[in-house]
C-alpha atoms as a PDB file:
ATOM      1  CA  MET A   1      17.084  -7.139 -19.266  1.00  0.00           C
ATOM      2  CA  THR A   2      14.410  -9.864 -19.588  1.00  0.00           C
ATOM      3  CA  GLU A   3      14.131 -12.324 -22.110  1.00  0.00           C
ATOM      4  CA  PRO A   4      11.955 -11.750 -25.290  1.00  0.00           C
ATOM      5  CA  MET A   5       8.200 -12.442 -24.392  1.00  0.00           C
ATOM      6  CA  THR A   6       7.215 -15.759 -25.988  1.00  0.00           C
ATOM      7  CA  HIS A   7       3.621 -15.482 -24.742  1.00  0.00           C
ATOM      8  CA  THR A   8       2.321 -12.192 -26.255  1.00  0.00           C
ATOM      9  CA  PRO A   9      -1.123 -10.709 -25.763  1.00  0.00           C
ATOM     10  CA  PRO A  10      -3.870 -11.099 -28.402  1.00  0.00           C
ATOM     11  CA  GLU A  11      -2.651  -8.814 -31.351  1.00  0.00           C
ATOM     12  CA  ARG A  12      -4.115  -5.410 -31.243  1.00  0.00           C
ATOM     13  CA  PRO A  13      -5.252  -3.384 -34.313  1.00  0.00           C
ATOM     14  CA  SER A  14      -2.705  -0.700 -35.392  1.00  0.00           C
ATOM     15  CA  ILE A  15      -3.739   2.804 -34.913  1.00  0.00           C
ATOM     16  CA  ASP A  16      -4.263   3.112 -38.890  1.00  0.00           C
ATOM     17  CA  GLU A  17      -6.521   0.235 -38.868  1.00  0.00           C
ATOM     18  CA  ARG A  18      -8.435   1.663 -35.930  1.00  0.00           C
ATOM     19  CA  ALA A  19      -8.684   5.013 -37.449  1.00  0.00           C
ATOM     20  CA  GLN A  20     -10.762   3.677 -40.309  1.00  0.00           C
ATOM     21  CA  ASP A  21     -13.655   3.526 -37.782  1.00  0.00           C
ATOM     22  CA  PRO A  22     -15.701   6.694 -38.256  1.00  0.00           C
ATOM     23  CA  ALA A  23     -16.541   6.556 -34.599  1.00  0.00           C
ATOM     24  CA  THR A  24     -12.935   7.689 -33.955  1.00  0.00           C
ATOM     25  CA  LEU A  25     -13.751  10.976 -35.711  1.00  0.00           C
ATOM     26  CA  ALA A  26     -10.687  13.168 -36.486  1.00  0.00           C
ATOM     27  CA  GLY A  27      -8.257  12.833 -33.491  1.00  0.00           C
ATOM     28  CA  THR A  28      -7.955  12.003 -29.802  1.00  0.00           C
ATOM     29  CA  LEU A  29      -7.970  13.996 -26.497  1.00  0.00           C
ATOM     30  CA  VAL A  30      -5.815  12.332 -23.960  1.00  0.00           C
ATOM     31  CA  LEU A  31      -6.249  13.353 -20.629  1.00  0.00           C
ATOM     32  CA  GLU A  32      -3.946  12.515 -17.972  1.00  0.00           C
ATOM     33  CA  LEU A  33      -5.818  12.133 -14.398  1.00  0.00           C
ATOM     34  CA  GLY A  34      -4.561  11.972 -10.864  1.00  0.00           C
ATOM     35  CA  TYR A  35      -7.263  10.551  -8.166  1.00  0.00           C
ATOM     36  CA  ARG A  36      -7.464   9.544  -4.401  1.00  0.00           C
ATOM     37  CA  GLY A  37      -9.430   6.388  -4.660  1.00  0.00           C
ATOM     38  CA  ALA A  38     -10.947   6.270  -1.166  1.00  0.00           C
ATOM     39  CA  GLU A  39     -14.442   7.316  -2.105  1.00  0.00           C
ATOM     40  CA  PHE A  40     -14.539   5.608  -5.429  1.00  0.00           C
ATOM     41  CA  ALA A  41     -15.944   2.135  -6.264  1.00  0.00           C
ATOM     42  CA  GLY A  42     -13.094   1.705  -8.769  1.00  0.00           C
ATOM     43  CA  PHE A  43     -12.122   3.313 -12.131  1.00  0.00           C
ATOM     44  CA  ALA A  44     -14.708   1.630 -14.237  1.00  0.00           C
ATOM     45  CA  ALA A  45     -18.147   2.951 -14.540  1.00  0.00           C
ATOM     46  CA  GLN A  46     -20.851   0.900 -12.301  1.00  0.00           C
ATOM     47  CA  PRO A  47     -24.537   1.621 -12.267  1.00  0.00           C
ATOM     48  CA  GLY A  48     -25.368   3.203  -8.762  1.00  0.00           C
ATOM     49  CA  GLN A  49     -21.874   3.538  -7.766  1.00  0.00           C
ATOM     50  CA  ARG A  50     -19.469   6.499  -7.610  1.00  0.00           C
ATOM     51  CA  THR A  51     -16.481   5.894  -9.985  1.00  0.00           C
ATOM     52  CA  VAL A  52     -13.562   7.713 -11.648  1.00  0.00           C
ATOM     53  CA  ALA A  53     -15.041   7.018 -14.929  1.00  0.00           C
ATOM     54  CA  GLY A  54     -18.506   8.202 -14.063  1.00  0.00           C
ATOM     55  CA  GLU A  55     -17.339  11.486 -12.721  1.00  0.00           C
ATOM     56  CA  THR A  56     -14.914  11.938 -15.565  1.00  0.00           C
ATOM     57  CA  THR A  57     -17.514  11.243 -18.375  1.00  0.00           C
ATOM     58  CA  ARG A  58     -19.832  13.543 -16.586  1.00  0.00           C
ATOM     59  CA  ALA A  59     -17.506  16.273 -16.801  1.00  0.00           C
ATOM     60  CA  LEU A  60     -16.249  15.716 -20.359  1.00  0.00           C
ATOM     61  CA  GLU A  61     -20.006  15.250 -21.567  1.00  0.00           C
ATOM     62  CA  THR A  62     -20.923  18.548 -20.101  1.00  0.00           C
ATOM     63  CA  LEU A  63     -17.865  20.239 -21.415  1.00  0.00           C
ATOM     64  CA  LEU A  64     -18.232  18.899 -25.079  1.00  0.00           C
ATOM     65  CA  ARG A  65     -22.006  18.689 -25.018  1.00  0.00           C
ATOM     66  CA  ARG A  66     -22.359  15.276 -26.351  1.00  0.00           C
ATOM     67  CA  PRO A  67     -21.970  11.621 -25.079  1.00  0.00           C
ATOM     68  CA  VAL A  68     -18.545  10.282 -24.880  1.00  0.00           C
ATOM     69  CA  GLU A  69     -16.794   6.939 -24.267  1.00  0.00           C
ATOM     70  CA  LEU A  70     -13.487   6.793 -22.107  1.00  0.00           C
ATOM     71  CA  THR A  71     -10.697   4.153 -22.648  1.00  0.00           C
ATOM     72  CA  CYS A  72      -8.236   4.209 -19.764  1.00  0.00           C
ATOM     73  CA  ALA A  73      -4.609   2.954 -19.763  1.00  0.00           C
ATOM     74  CA  GLY A  74      -5.569   0.349 -16.829  1.00  0.00           C
ATOM     75  CA  ARG A  75      -8.640  -0.067 -14.619  1.00  0.00           C
ATOM     76  CA  THR A  76      -7.965   0.229 -10.601  1.00  0.00           C
ATOM     77  CA  ASP A  77      -9.974  -1.164  -8.154  1.00  0.00           C
ATOM     78  CA  ALA A  78     -11.797   0.391  -5.164  1.00  0.00           C
ATOM     79  CA  GLY A  79      -9.554   2.382  -2.741  1.00  0.00           C
ATOM     80  CA  VAL A  80      -6.578   2.452  -5.480  1.00  0.00           C
ATOM     81  CA  HIS A  81      -5.232   5.713  -6.229  1.00  0.00           C
ATOM     82  CA  ALA A  82      -3.546   7.205  -9.099  1.00  0.00           C
ATOM     83  CA  LEU A  83      -1.119   9.820  -9.944  1.00  0.00           C
ATOM     84  CA  SER A  84      -0.916   9.584 -13.884  1.00  0.00           C
ATOM     85  CA  GLN A  85      -3.861   7.612 -15.290  1.00  0.00           C
ATOM     86  CA  TYR A  86      -4.371   8.051 -18.960  1.00  0.00           C
ATOM     87  CA  VAL A  87      -7.912   8.416 -20.441  1.00  0.00           C
ATOM     88  CA  SER A  88      -8.558   8.666 -24.267  1.00  0.00           C
ATOM     89  CA  VAL A  89     -11.692  10.134 -26.010  1.00  0.00           C
ATOM     90  CA  PRO A  90     -12.048  10.530 -29.786  1.00  0.00           C
ATOM     91  CA  VAL A  91     -12.879  14.205 -30.797  1.00  0.00           C
ATOM     92  CA  SER A  92     -14.204  15.924 -33.891  1.00  0.00           C
ATOM     93  CA  ASP A  93     -12.316  18.698 -36.015  1.00  0.00           C
ATOM     94  CA  GLU A  94     -14.174  21.180 -34.144  1.00  0.00           C
ATOM     95  CA  GLU A  95     -13.094  19.883 -30.704  1.00  0.00           C
ATOM     96  CA  LEU A  96      -9.537  19.792 -31.506  1.00  0.00           C
ATOM     97  CA  ALA A  97      -9.548  23.368 -32.028  1.00  0.00           C
ATOM     98  CA  LEU A  98     -10.946  23.999 -28.439  1.00  0.00           C
ATOM     99  CA  PRO A  99      -8.338  26.144 -26.384  1.00  0.00           C
ATOM    100  CA  ALA A 100      -6.261  24.173 -23.820  1.00  0.00           C
ATOM    101  CA  ARG A 101      -7.066  26.896 -21.320  1.00  0.00           C
ATOM    102  CA  ARG A 102     -10.620  26.610 -21.620  1.00  0.00           C
ATOM    103  CA  LEU A 103     -10.920  22.865 -21.413  1.00  0.00           C
ATOM    104  CA  SER A 104      -8.387  22.577 -18.483  1.00  0.00           C
ATOM    105  CA  ARG A 105     -10.646  25.224 -16.504  1.00  0.00           C
ATOM    106  CA  GLY A 106     -13.709  23.615 -17.413  1.00  0.00           C
ATOM    107  CA  LEU A 107     -12.561  20.158 -16.316  1.00  0.00           C
ATOM    108  CA  ALA A 108     -11.179  21.557 -13.114  1.00  0.00           C
ATOM    109  CA  ALA A 109     -14.556  22.985 -12.417  1.00  0.00           C
ATOM    110  CA  LEU A 110     -16.737  19.974 -13.323  1.00  0.00           C
ATOM    111  CA  THR A 111     -14.704  17.370 -11.267  1.00  0.00           C
ATOM    112  CA  PRO A 112     -14.769  16.780  -8.084  1.00  0.00           C
ATOM    113  CA  ASP A 113     -12.031  17.465  -5.476  1.00  0.00           C
ATOM    114  CA  ASP A 114     -10.771  13.885  -5.356  1.00  0.00           C
ATOM    115  CA  ILE A 115     -10.044  13.949  -9.286  1.00  0.00           C
ATOM    116  CA  SER A 116      -7.196  15.913 -10.851  1.00  0.00           C
ATOM    117  CA  PRO A 117      -7.106  16.602 -14.433  1.00  0.00           C
ATOM    118  CA  ARG A 118      -3.281  17.229 -14.666  1.00  0.00           C
ATOM    119  CA  ARG A 119      -2.617  17.594 -18.315  1.00  0.00           C
ATOM    120  CA  LEU A 120      -4.363  17.626 -21.576  1.00  0.00           C
ATOM    121  CA  LEU A 121      -2.585  15.903 -24.538  1.00  0.00           C
ATOM    122  CA  ARG A 122      -3.573  15.092 -28.061  1.00  0.00           C
ATOM    123  CA  ALA A 123      -3.037  11.861 -30.148  1.00  0.00           C
ATOM    124  CA  PRO A 124      -3.685  10.574 -33.631  1.00  0.00           C
ATOM    125  CA  LYS A 125      -6.951   9.487 -34.856  1.00  0.00           C
ATOM    126  CA  GLY A 126      -7.392   5.822 -33.520  1.00  0.00           C
ATOM    127  CA  PHE A 127      -5.191   6.228 -30.374  1.00  0.00           C
ATOM    128  CA  SER A 128      -6.144   3.919 -27.397  1.00  0.00           C
ATOM    129  CA  ALA A 129      -4.780   4.677 -23.760  1.00  0.00           C
ATOM    130  CA  ARG A 130      -5.099   1.125 -23.461  1.00  0.00           C
ATOM    131  CA  PHE A 131      -3.810  -0.775 -26.391  1.00  0.00           C
ATOM    132  CA  ASP A 132      -1.026   1.869 -27.294  1.00  0.00           C
ATOM    133  CA  ALA A 133       0.535   1.632 -23.881  1.00  0.00           C
ATOM    134  CA  ARG A 134       3.838  -0.151 -23.575  1.00  0.00           C
ATOM    135  CA  SER A 135       3.810  -0.338 -19.952  1.00  0.00           C
ATOM    136  CA  ARG A 136       2.258   0.603 -16.767  1.00  0.00           C
ATOM    137  CA  SER A 137       3.877   1.330 -13.538  1.00  0.00           C
ATOM    138  CA  TYR A 138       2.524   0.884  -9.925  1.00  0.00           C
ATOM    139  CA  ARG A 139       4.006   1.900  -6.205  1.00  0.00           C
ATOM    140  CA  TYR A 140       2.786   0.024  -3.139  1.00  0.00           C
ATOM    141  CA  ARG A 141       3.569   1.694   0.035  1.00  0.00           C
ATOM    142  CA  PHE A 142       4.333   0.242   3.676  1.00  0.00           C
ATOM    143  CA  VAL A 143       4.800   1.959   7.058  1.00  0.00           C
ATOM    144  CA  ALA A 144       6.316  -0.474   9.357  1.00  0.00           C
ATOM    145  CA  GLY A 145       6.570   0.069  13.119  1.00  0.00           C
ATOM    146  CA  GLU A 146       4.722   0.805  16.176  1.00  0.00           C
ATOM    147  CA  ALA A 147       4.034   4.473  15.487  1.00  0.00           C
ATOM    148  CA  ARG A 148       0.774   4.905  13.506  1.00  0.00           C
ATOM    149  CA  PRO A 149       1.487   6.791  10.246  1.00  0.00           C
ATOM    150  CA  VAL A 150       0.311  10.345   9.894  1.00  0.00           C
ATOM    151  CA  LEU A 151       0.466  11.856   6.380  1.00  0.00           C
ATOM    152  CA  ALA A 152       0.856   8.265   5.005  1.00  0.00           C
ATOM    153  CA  TRP A 153      -2.296   6.961   6.607  1.00  0.00           C
ATOM    154  CA  ASP A 154      -4.601   7.079   3.632  1.00  0.00           C
ATOM    155  CA  HIS A 155      -2.049   5.770   1.072  1.00  0.00           C
ATOM    156  CA  ALA A 156       0.081   3.177   2.850  1.00  0.00           C
ATOM    157  CA  TRP A 157      -0.500  -0.430   4.625  1.00  0.00           C
ATOM    158  CA  TRP A 158       0.594   0.007   8.198  1.00  0.00           C
ATOM    159  CA  LEU A 159       2.343  -2.890   9.828  1.00  0.00           C
ATOM    160  CA  ARG A 160       3.372  -2.907  13.278  1.00  0.00           C
ATOM    161  CA  ASN A 161       6.077  -5.276  12.502  1.00  0.00           C
ATOM    162  CA  PRO A 162       9.400  -4.285  11.159  1.00  0.00           C
ATOM    163  CA  LEU A 163      10.206  -5.289   7.518  1.00  0.00           C
ATOM    164  CA  ASP A 164      13.387  -6.605   6.216  1.00  0.00           C
ATOM    165  CA  VAL A 165      13.862  -4.835   2.805  1.00  0.00           C
ATOM    166  CA  ASP A 166      16.860  -6.842   1.582  1.00  0.00           C
ATOM    167  CA  ALA A 167      14.789  -9.931   2.134  1.00  0.00           C
ATOM    168  CA  MET A 168      11.920  -8.489   0.233  1.00  0.00           C
ATOM    169  CA  ARG A 169      14.145  -7.189  -2.675  1.00  0.00           C
ATOM    170  CA  GLU A 170      15.687 -10.920  -3.095  1.00  0.00           C
ATOM    171  CA  GLY A 171      12.202 -12.432  -3.218  1.00  0.00           C
ATOM    172  CA  ALA A 172      11.086  -9.687  -5.799  1.00  0.00           C
ATOM    173  CA  ALA A 173      13.830 -10.980  -8.041  1.00  0.00           C
ATOM    174  CA  TYR A 174      11.976 -14.154  -8.668  1.00  0.00           C
ATOM    175  CA  LEU A 175       9.248 -12.366 -10.400  1.00  0.00           C
ATOM    176  CA  VAL A 176      11.036 -10.194 -12.885  1.00  0.00           C
ATOM    177  CA  GLY A 177      10.711 -11.312 -16.566  1.00  0.00           C
ATOM    178  CA  GLU A 178       7.922 -13.071 -18.204  1.00  0.00           C
ATOM    179  CA  HIS A 179       6.069 -15.554 -16.249  1.00  0.00           C
ATOM    180  CA  ASP A 180       2.632 -17.299 -15.771  1.00  0.00           C
ATOM    181  CA  PHE A 181       1.273 -15.245 -12.747  1.00  0.00           C
ATOM    182  CA  LYS A 182      -1.691 -17.267 -12.174  1.00  0.00           C
ATOM    183  CA  SER A 183      -0.795 -17.474  -8.440  1.00  0.00           C
ATOM    184  CA  PHE A 184      -0.771 -13.559  -8.056  1.00  0.00           C
ATOM    185  CA  CYS A 185      -4.161 -12.704  -9.452  1.00  0.00           C
ATOM    186  CA  LYS A 186      -7.812 -13.182  -8.268  1.00  0.00           C
ATOM    187  CA  ALA A 187      -8.629 -16.774  -8.877  1.00  0.00           C
ATOM    188  CA  THR A 188     -11.890 -16.213 -10.472  1.00  0.00           C
ATOM    189  CA  SER A 189     -10.333 -13.532 -13.019  1.00  0.00           C
ATOM    190  CA  ALA A 190      -8.137 -16.134 -14.294  1.00  0.00           C
ATOM    191  CA  VAL A 191     -10.538 -18.893 -15.417  1.00  0.00           C
ATOM    192  CA  GLY A 192     -10.350 -19.327 -19.304  1.00  0.00           C
ATOM    193  CA  ARG A 193      -7.823 -16.288 -19.743  1.00  0.00           C
ATOM    194  CA  PRO A 194      -4.216 -16.070 -20.369  1.00  0.00           C
ATOM    195  CA  THR A 195      -2.240 -15.272 -17.100  1.00  0.00           C
ATOM    196  CA  TRP A 196       1.209 -14.930 -18.672  1.00  0.00           C
ATOM    197  CA  ARG A 197       2.412 -11.273 -18.047  1.00  0.00           C
ATOM    198  CA  CYS A 198       6.057  -9.473 -18.309  1.00  0.00           C
ATOM    199  CA  ILE A 199       7.456  -7.804 -15.128  1.00  0.00           C
ATOM    200  CA  MET A 200      10.048  -5.379 -16.600  1.00  0.00           C
ATOM    201  CA  GLY A 201      11.128  -4.113 -13.356  1.00  0.00           C
ATOM    202  CA  LEU A 202      10.464  -4.627  -9.701  1.00  0.00           C
ATOM    203  CA  ASP A 203      12.336  -3.092  -6.723  1.00  0.00           C
ATOM    204  CA  VAL A 204      11.863  -2.414  -3.141  1.00  0.00           C
ATOM    205  CA  MET A 205      13.166   0.450  -1.230  1.00  0.00           C
ATOM    206  CA  GLU A 206      12.927   2.673   1.785  1.00  0.00           C
ATOM    207  CA  GLU A 207      12.394   6.229   1.345  1.00  0.00           C
ATOM    208  CA  ALA A 208      11.247   9.470   3.258  1.00  0.00           C
ATOM    209  CA  GLU A 209       8.053  11.090   2.191  1.00  0.00           C
ATOM    210  CA  CYS A 210       6.587  14.125   4.006  1.00  0.00           C
ATOM    211  CA  GLY A 211       8.828  13.487   7.077  1.00  0.00           C
ATOM    212  CA  GLU A 212       7.706   9.869   7.404  1.00  0.00           C
ATOM    213  CA  ARG A 213       9.688   6.637   6.493  1.00  0.00           C
ATOM    214  CA  VAL A 214       7.823   4.322   4.141  1.00  0.00           C
ATOM    215  CA  ILE A 215       8.859   1.062   2.436  1.00  0.00           C
ATOM    216  CA  CYS A 216       7.833   1.135  -1.343  1.00  0.00           C
ATOM    217  CA  ILE A 217       7.504  -1.620  -3.870  1.00  0.00           C
ATOM    218  CA  ASP A 218       7.736  -0.295  -7.591  1.00  0.00           C
ATOM    219  CA  VAL A 219       6.697  -2.456 -10.426  1.00  0.00           C
ATOM    220  CA  VAL A 220       6.702  -1.919 -14.037  1.00  0.00           C
ATOM    221  CA  GLY A 221       5.094  -4.432 -16.414  1.00  0.00           C
ATOM    222  CA  ASN A 222       3.448  -4.826 -19.767  1.00  0.00           C
ATOM    223  CA  ALA A 223       0.195  -5.404 -18.390  1.00  0.00           C
ATOM    224  CA  PHE A 224      -1.180  -6.464 -15.116  1.00  0.00           C
ATOM    225  CA  LEU A 225      -3.871  -9.156 -13.916  1.00  0.00           C
ATOM    226  CA  HIS A 226      -6.644  -8.300 -11.410  1.00  0.00           C
ATOM    227  CA  SER A 227      -5.052  -7.787  -7.992  1.00  0.00           C
ATOM    228  CA  MET A 228      -1.715  -8.933  -9.216  1.00  0.00           C
ATOM    229  CA  VAL A 229       0.182  -5.948  -7.747  1.00  0.00           C
ATOM    230  CA  ARG A 230      -1.645  -6.118  -4.553  1.00  0.00           C
ATOM    231  CA  THR A 231      -0.784  -9.861  -4.267  1.00  0.00           C
ATOM    232  CA  ILE A 232       2.847  -9.188  -5.004  1.00  0.00           C
ATOM    233  CA  ALA A 233       2.873  -6.555  -2.180  1.00  0.00           C
ATOM    234  CA  GLY A 234       1.108  -8.988   0.202  1.00  0.00           C
ATOM    235  CA  THR A 235       3.455 -11.852  -0.716  1.00  0.00           C
ATOM    236  CA  LEU A 236       6.767  -9.676  -0.303  1.00  0.00           C
ATOM    237  CA  ALA A 237       5.240  -8.472   3.066  1.00  0.00           C
ATOM    238  CA  GLU A 238       5.143 -12.329   4.269  1.00  0.00           C
ATOM    239  CA  VAL A 239       9.014 -12.381   3.349  1.00  0.00           C
ATOM    240  CA  GLY A 240       9.642  -8.979   4.963  1.00  0.00           C
ATOM    241  CA  ARG A 241       8.109 -10.102   8.207  1.00  0.00           C
ATOM    242  CA  GLY A 242      10.279 -13.088   8.298  1.00  0.00           C
ATOM    243  CA  ARG A 243       7.220 -15.454   8.058  1.00  0.00           C
ATOM    244  CA  ARG A 244       8.509 -16.920   4.575  1.00  0.00           C
ATOM    245  CA  SER A 245      11.923 -17.032   2.994  1.00  0.00           C
ATOM    246  CA  PRO A 246      12.935 -15.040  -0.329  1.00  0.00           C
ATOM    247  CA  ALA A 247      12.833 -18.391  -2.204  1.00  0.00           C
ATOM    248  CA  TRP A 248       9.256 -18.985  -1.322  1.00  0.00           C
ATOM    249  CA  VAL A 249       8.279 -16.404  -3.621  1.00  0.00           C
ATOM    250  CA  GLY A 250       9.536 -18.361  -6.662  1.00  0.00           C
ATOM    251  CA  GLU A 251       7.937 -21.491  -5.474  1.00  0.00           C
ATOM    252  CA  ALA A 252       4.545 -19.610  -5.267  1.00  0.00           C
ATOM    253  CA  LEU A 253       5.045 -18.368  -8.689  1.00  0.00           C
ATOM    254  CA  ALA A 254       6.003 -21.801  -9.948  1.00  0.00           C
ATOM    255  CA  ALA A 255       2.865 -23.287  -8.300  1.00  0.00           C
ATOM    256  CA  CYS A 256       0.240 -21.435 -10.645  1.00  0.00           C
ATOM    257  CA  ASP A 257      -2.012 -21.656  -7.808  1.00  0.00           C
ATOM    258  CA  ARG A 258      -3.688 -18.490  -6.072  1.00  0.00           C
ATOM    259  CA  MET A 259      -3.347 -20.434  -2.666  1.00  0.00           C
ATOM    260  CA  ALA A 260       0.212 -20.704  -2.878  1.00  0.00           C
ATOM    261  CA  ALA A 261       0.999 -16.988  -2.820  1.00  0.00           C
ATOM    262  CA  GLY A 262       0.368 -14.522  -0.009  1.00  0.00           C
ATOM    263  CA  PRO A 263      -2.726 -12.396   0.786  1.00  0.00           C
ATOM    264  CA  CYS A 264      -3.961  -9.549  -1.328  1.00  0.00           C
ATOM    265  CA  ALA A 265      -2.609  -6.277   0.112  1.00  0.00           C
ATOM    266  CA  PRO A 266      -5.053  -3.679   1.129  1.00  0.00           C
ATOM    267  CA  ALA A 267      -5.940  -1.382  -1.787  1.00  0.00           C
ATOM    268  CA  LYS A 268      -5.236   2.020  -0.161  1.00  0.00           C
ATOM    269  CA  GLY A 269      -1.434   1.414  -0.253  1.00  0.00           C
ATOM    270  CA  LEU A 270      -1.542   1.020  -4.218  1.00  0.00           C
ATOM    271  CA  THR A 271      -1.072   3.861  -6.525  1.00  0.00           C
ATOM    272  CA  PHE A 272      -1.245   3.846 -10.182  1.00  0.00           C
ATOM    273  CA  VAL A 273       2.016   5.830 -10.958  1.00  0.00           C
ATOM    274  CA  GLY A 274       2.314   6.190 -14.718  1.00  0.00           C
ATOM    275  CA  VAL A 275       2.274   4.792 -18.401  1.00  0.00           C
ATOM    276  CA  ASP A 276       4.638   4.674 -21.149  1.00  0.00           C
ATOM    277  CA  TYR A 277       3.601   5.373 -24.527  1.00  0.00           C
ATOM    278  CA  PRO A 278       5.756   5.401 -28.008  1.00  0.00           C
ATOM    279  CA  GLU A 279       7.695   8.458 -28.352  1.00  0.00           C
ATOM    280  CA  GLY A 280       6.160  11.283 -30.347  1.00  0.00           C
ATOM    281  CA  LEU A 281       2.830   9.663 -30.263  1.00  0.00           C
ATOM    282  CA  LEU A 282       1.503  12.104 -27.576  1.00  0.00           C
ATOM    283  CA  SER A 283       1.760  15.786 -27.857  1.00  0.00           C
ATOM    284  CA  ALA A 284       0.773  18.958 -25.868  1.00  0.00           C
ATOM    285  CA  TRP A 285      -2.784  20.064 -26.703  1.00  0.00           C
ATOM    286  CA  GLY A 286      -2.026  23.547 -27.092  1.00  0.00           C
END
């Protein structure tokens, strides 16, 4: 168990307060998305770039025949994958009555092959996939050894060196709890912004996936800074390779200086795994 948070994010409006905004309409469509990030310039819409938000918005606007504005649980960078990204869209009474089968088939037909609309849910008026999330979880994967990965090639960082999983796990323990993670985020994104976050769980393990051995870092937190998980992965990789001691992770954290921590690991090894919301807030579309 971690200590109670003493540095909390800015207070967010409650669902009831947000529901007073007429733009939220009658209710909320919540879409659980999976995507392969290799061909996207990240989640967020960018002019002239292929993005997850751009493709999803286009599909929803075609299906609903009106402009929509998406809110996601957590933006991912270019090349990062997702199994369960959550997106919320305010909808009208008429749209709330649309059959789930029609919506699901329509979204599957209108989205490209590297996006998978996995599940349709509904939430109360004023729900936000971002602000109502209690935690987010990520997994970072490595393949360690001389043999080039086969099926894991597109979603793992291949390191020819062996990795000491026990040492990585020992180093990871320094990051659990509420800390100033300034050392573990993109330096320019930390300027003038709070960098305290709470890591609720962080583990390192070796698993078999599709016949290959992968080393995984699983991390759960209330929220994450830009490149935070990838920098944690790069830092723990330095420990696993024997270049640094586990205690160095704690020293890097205390320094509050991006130069004190390890490198930012490649994007393709990172997967947004899921989001936790208060019980009962989401329900099946129909």
